[in-house]
């Protein structure tokens, strides 16, 4: 059971990272694409990062 939970969390992390990576050009960020993509779960607590993350995911 813990292995399944770990796989689900890893898959969710990977999916969020991939969506942010592909939509990075829609954000206000100009550099740090790899850094911001890898650490998105940490930065998601920031309101401005959350707005940019949403832009990357939804294309607004």
Foldseek 3Di string as FASTA:
>chain_A
DVVVVVVVVVVVLVVLLVLCLQQVVQAPDDDDSVVCSNCVVVCCVDPNSVVRSCCSNPVD
